[in-house]
């Protein structure tokens, strides 16, 4: 897991947040209505949310173990391809990311793993039970 210091992705995120903030604040005195200002703030938030989602999904992909176990039967899953581009529609907009795909030849389960099984109490994940990944 990346630390807070010397983390280039964190630094890039914080730099972008600062740029967006400065851009919005620089418009002070331009005659914008409160509705305009609110819309600008929401736009800043959406951009930062999308960046945070892309960064987190990239870290999730890197954190996957080389061997993925089937959540149904526990067999080793086959990963026929490298990570493939995916699109995820969110309330803030589309998120483009890459994710590997895994197939269980024993029971036929097929999905893109997102980490430890949901019932693993040491995983520290926040997700509904039964979720199998993205």
C-alpha atoms as a PDB file:
ATOM      1  CA  UNK A   1       0.000   0.000   0.000  1.00  0.00           C
ATOM      2  CA  UNK A   2       1.373   3.391  -0.940  1.00  0.00           C
ATOM      3  CA  UNK A   3       2.438   5.667   1.880  1.00  0.00           C
ATOM      4  CA  UNK A   4       1.424   9.282   2.144  1.00  0.00           C
ATOM      5  CA  UNK A   5       4.929  10.624   1.655  1.00  0.00           C
ATOM      6  CA  UNK A   6       6.763  10.320  -1.652  1.00  0.00           C
ATOM      7  CA  UNK A   7       3.671   8.957  -3.392  1.00  0.00           C
ATOM      8  CA  UNK A   8       3.608  10.418  -6.925  1.00  0.00           C
ATOM      9  CA  UNK A   9      -0.080   9.595  -7.466  1.00  0.00           C
ATOM     10  CA  UNK A  10      -1.051  11.350  -4.235  1.00  0.00           C
ATOM     11  CA  UNK A  11       1.079  14.346  -5.161  1.00  0.00           C
ATOM     12  CA  UNK A  12      -0.519  14.497  -8.618  1.00  0.00           C
ATOM     13  CA  UNK A  13      -3.996  14.329  -7.057  1.00  0.00           C
ATOM     14  CA  UNK A  14      -3.220  17.083  -4.564  1.00  0.00           C
ATOM     15  CA  UNK A  15      -1.657  19.234  -7.271  1.00  0.00           C
ATOM     16  CA  UNK A  16      -4.726  18.818  -9.488  1.00  0.00           C
ATOM     17  CA  UNK A  17      -7.030  19.643  -6.570  1.00  0.00           C
ATOM     18  CA  UNK A  18      -5.049  22.820  -5.958  1.00  0.00           C
ATOM     19  CA  UNK A  19      -5.201  23.809  -9.628  1.00  0.00           C
ATOM     20  CA  UNK A  20      -8.964  23.303  -9.756  1.00  0.00           C
ATOM     21  CA  UNK A  21      -9.436  25.259  -6.538  1.00  0.00           C
ATOM     22  CA  UNK A  22      -7.254  28.120  -7.778  1.00  0.00           C
ATOM     23  CA  UNK A  23      -9.117  28.190 -11.093  1.00  0.00           C
ATOM     24  CA  UNK A  24     -12.471  28.417  -9.342  1.00  0.00           C
ATOM     25  CA  UNK A  25     -11.341  31.065  -6.839  1.00  0.00           C
ATOM     26  CA  UNK A  26      -9.753  33.165  -9.592  1.00  0.00           C
ATOM     27  CA  UNK A  27     -13.240  33.750 -10.995  1.00  0.00           C
ATOM     28  CA  UNK A  28     -14.226  35.816  -7.913  1.00  0.00           C
ATOM     29  CA  UNK A  29     -15.651  39.163  -8.942  1.00  0.00           C
ATOM     30  CA  UNK A  30     -16.636  37.953 -12.405  1.00  0.00           C
ATOM     31  CA  UNK A  31     -20.345  38.438 -11.772  1.00  0.00           C
ATOM     32  CA  UNK A  32     -21.130  34.742 -11.381  1.00  0.00           C
ATOM     33  CA  UNK A  33     -24.377  33.956  -9.589  1.00  0.00           C
ATOM     34  CA  UNK A  34     -24.461  31.606  -6.638  1.00  0.00           C
ATOM     35  CA  UNK A  35     -25.879  28.949  -8.976  1.00  0.00           C
ATOM     36  CA  UNK A  36     -22.827  29.431 -11.252  1.00  0.00           C
ATOM     37  CA  UNK A  37     -20.468  29.133  -8.290  1.00  0.00           C
ATOM     38  CA  UNK A  38     -22.243  26.023  -7.033  1.00  0.00           C
ATOM     39  CA  UNK A  39     -22.052  24.443 -10.492  1.00  0.00           C
ATOM     40  CA  UNK A  40     -18.317  25.202 -10.658  1.00  0.00           C
ATOM     41  CA  UNK A  41     -17.771  23.625  -7.218  1.00  0.00           C
ATOM     42  CA  UNK A  42     -19.725  20.528  -8.225  1.00  0.00           C
ATOM     43  CA  UNK A  43     -17.610  20.262 -11.380  1.00  0.00           C
ATOM     44  CA  UNK A  44     -14.427  20.422  -9.299  1.00  0.00           C
ATOM     45  CA  UNK A  45     -15.814  17.692  -7.045  1.00  0.00           C
ATOM     46  CA  UNK A  46     -16.720  15.437  -9.985  1.00  0.00           C
ATOM     47  CA  UNK A  47     -13.238  15.786 -11.492  1.00  0.00           C
ATOM     48  CA  UNK A  48     -11.605  14.888  -8.179  1.00  0.00           C
ATOM     49  CA  UNK A  49     -13.978  11.981  -7.577  1.00  0.00           C
ATOM     50  CA  UNK A  50     -13.194  10.523 -11.013  1.00  0.00           C
ATOM     51  CA  UNK A  51      -9.441  10.926 -10.448  1.00  0.00           C
ATOM     52  CA  UNK A  52      -9.700   9.239  -7.030  1.00  0.00           C
ATOM     53  CA  UNK A  53     -11.723   6.363  -8.509  1.00  0.00           C
ATOM     54  CA  UNK A  54      -9.247   5.834 -11.377  1.00  0.00           C
ATOM     55  CA  UNK A  55      -6.308   5.891  -8.971  1.00  0.00           C
ATOM     56  CA  UNK A  56      -7.957   3.463  -6.559  1.00  0.00           C
ATOM     57  CA  UNK A  57      -8.917   1.023  -9.320  1.00  0.00           C
ATOM     58  CA  UNK A  58      -5.354   1.094 -10.651  1.00  0.00           C
ATOM     59  CA  UNK A  59      -3.988   0.303  -7.180  1.00  0.00           C
ATOM     60  CA  UNK A  60      -6.568  -2.489  -6.754  1.00  0.00           C
ATOM     61  CA  UNK A  61      -5.415  -4.098 -10.009  1.00  0.00           C
ATOM     62  CA  UNK A  62      -1.763  -3.933  -8.968  1.00  0.00           C
ATOM     63  CA  UNK A  63      -2.596  -5.419  -5.556  1.00  0.00           C
ATOM     64  CA  UNK A  64      -4.214  -8.571  -6.946  1.00  0.00           C
ATOM     65  CA  UNK A  65      -2.283 -11.760  -6.249  1.00  0.00           C
ATOM     66  CA  UNK A  66      -0.860 -13.706  -9.169  1.00  0.00           C
ATOM     67  CA  UNK A  67      -3.130 -16.625  -8.313  1.00  0.00           C
ATOM     68  CA  UNK A  68      -6.862 -15.901  -8.105  1.00  0.00           C
ATOM     69  CA  UNK A  69      -9.073 -18.430  -6.327  1.00  0.00           C
ATOM     70  CA  UNK A  70     -12.686 -19.014  -7.328  1.00  0.00           C
ATOM     71  CA  UNK A  71     -15.100 -17.520  -4.790  1.00  0.00           C
ATOM     72  CA  UNK A  72     -17.519 -20.456  -5.354  1.00  0.00           C
ATOM     73  CA  UNK A  73     -15.340 -23.570  -5.299  1.00  0.00           C
ATOM     74  CA  UNK A  74     -11.874 -22.343  -4.308  1.00  0.00           C
ATOM     75  CA  UNK A  75     -10.118 -23.683  -7.423  1.00  0.00           C
ATOM     76  CA  UNK A  76      -7.334 -21.739  -9.067  1.00  0.00           C
ATOM     77  CA  UNK A  77      -8.805 -19.513 -11.772  1.00  0.00           C
ATOM     78  CA  UNK A  78      -7.362 -19.112 -15.234  1.00  0.00           C
ATOM     79  CA  UNK A  79      -6.561 -15.594 -16.429  1.00  0.00           C
ATOM     80  CA  UNK A  80      -6.625 -15.832 -20.216  1.00  0.00           C
ATOM     81  CA  UNK A  81      -5.584 -12.247 -20.959  1.00  0.00           C
ATOM     82  CA  UNK A  82      -3.695  -9.311 -19.509  1.00  0.00           C
ATOM     83  CA  UNK A  83      -5.728  -6.483 -18.029  1.00  0.00           C
ATOM     84  CA  UNK A  84      -8.326  -5.141 -20.443  1.00  0.00           C
ATOM     85  CA  UNK A  85      -9.742  -1.616 -20.645  1.00  0.00           C
ATOM     86  CA  UNK A  86     -13.082  -1.218 -18.902  1.00  0.00           C
ATOM     87  CA  UNK A  87     -15.592   1.601 -18.496  1.00  0.00           C
ATOM     88  CA  UNK A  88     -17.616   2.110 -15.361  1.00  0.00           C
ATOM     89  CA  UNK A  89     -20.495   4.603 -15.346  1.00  0.00           C
ATOM     90  CA  UNK A  90     -20.735   6.463 -12.040  1.00  0.00           C
ATOM     91  CA  UNK A  91     -22.844   9.337 -10.749  1.00  0.00           C
ATOM     92  CA  UNK A  92     -19.829  11.599 -11.411  1.00  0.00           C
ATOM     93  CA  UNK A  93     -19.149  10.362 -14.938  1.00  0.00           C
ATOM     94  CA  UNK A  94     -17.423   7.511 -16.739  1.00  0.00           C
ATOM     95  CA  UNK A  95     -14.322   5.944 -15.198  1.00  0.00           C
ATOM     96  CA  UNK A  96     -11.886   4.245 -17.557  1.00  0.00           C
ATOM     97  CA  UNK A  97      -9.612   1.601 -15.993  1.00  0.00           C
ATOM     98  CA  UNK A  98      -8.016  -1.772 -16.638  1.00  0.00           C
ATOM     99  CA  UNK A  99      -8.935  -5.051 -14.984  1.00  0.00           C
ATOM    100  CA  UNK A 100      -7.877  -8.670 -15.459  1.00  0.00           C
ATOM    101  CA  UNK A 101     -10.510 -11.324 -16.066  1.00  0.00           C
ATOM    102  CA  UNK A 102     -10.560 -14.742 -14.398  1.00  0.00           C
ATOM    103  CA  UNK A 103     -12.360 -17.953 -15.357  1.00  0.00           C
ATOM    104  CA  UNK A 104     -12.886 -21.038 -13.212  1.00  0.00           C
ATOM    105  CA  UNK A 105     -12.642 -24.141 -15.364  1.00  0.00           C
ATOM    106  CA  UNK A 106     -14.040 -26.294 -12.534  1.00  0.00           C
ATOM    107  CA  UNK A 107     -17.389 -24.562 -11.906  1.00  0.00           C
ATOM    108  CA  UNK A 108     -17.665 -22.011 -14.713  1.00  0.00           C
ATOM    109  CA  UNK A 109     -17.517 -18.846 -12.592  1.00  0.00           C
ATOM    110  CA  UNK A 110     -16.204 -15.932 -14.603  1.00  0.00           C
ATOM    111  CA  UNK A 111     -15.513 -12.434 -13.296  1.00  0.00           C
ATOM    112  CA  UNK A 112     -12.982  -9.679 -12.842  1.00  0.00           C
ATOM    113  CA  UNK A 113     -11.592 -10.150  -9.342  1.00  0.00           C
ATOM    114  CA  UNK A 114     -11.328  -7.176  -7.030  1.00  0.00           C
ATOM    115  CA  UNK A 115      -9.347  -8.657  -4.166  1.00  0.00           C
ATOM    116  CA  UNK A 116      -9.960 -10.944  -1.189  1.00  0.00           C
ATOM    117  CA  UNK A 117     -13.269 -12.739  -0.879  1.00  0.00           C
ATOM    118  CA  UNK A 118     -15.953 -10.583   0.817  1.00  0.00           C
ATOM    119  CA  UNK A 119     -16.308 -13.014   3.726  1.00  0.00           C
ATOM    120  CA  UNK A 120     -12.607 -12.667   4.576  1.00  0.00           C
ATOM    121  CA  UNK A 121     -12.715 -10.634   7.829  1.00  0.00           C
ATOM    122  CA  UNK A 122      -9.090  -9.515   7.363  1.00  0.00           C
ATOM    123  CA  UNK A 123      -9.713  -7.966   3.970  1.00  0.00           C
ATOM    124  CA  UNK A 124     -10.819  -4.575   5.327  1.00  0.00           C
ATOM    125  CA  UNK A 125     -13.074  -4.145   2.317  1.00  0.00           C
ATOM    126  CA  UNK A 126     -16.331  -2.271   2.290  1.00  0.00           C
ATOM    127  CA  UNK A 127     -18.787  -4.013   0.009  1.00  0.00           C
ATOM    128  CA  UNK A 128     -22.048  -5.896   0.188  1.00  0.00           C
ATOM    129  CA  UNK A 129     -21.721  -9.601   0.895  1.00  0.00           C
ATOM    130  CA  UNK A 130     -21.721 -11.708  -2.237  1.00  0.00           C
ATOM    131  CA  UNK A 131     -19.996  -9.082  -4.375  1.00  0.00           C
ATOM    132  CA  UNK A 132     -17.530 -10.714  -6.742  1.00  0.00           C
ATOM    133  CA  UNK A 133     -15.661  -7.764  -8.178  1.00  0.00           C
ATOM    134  CA  UNK A 134     -15.811  -5.110 -10.843  1.00  0.00           C
END
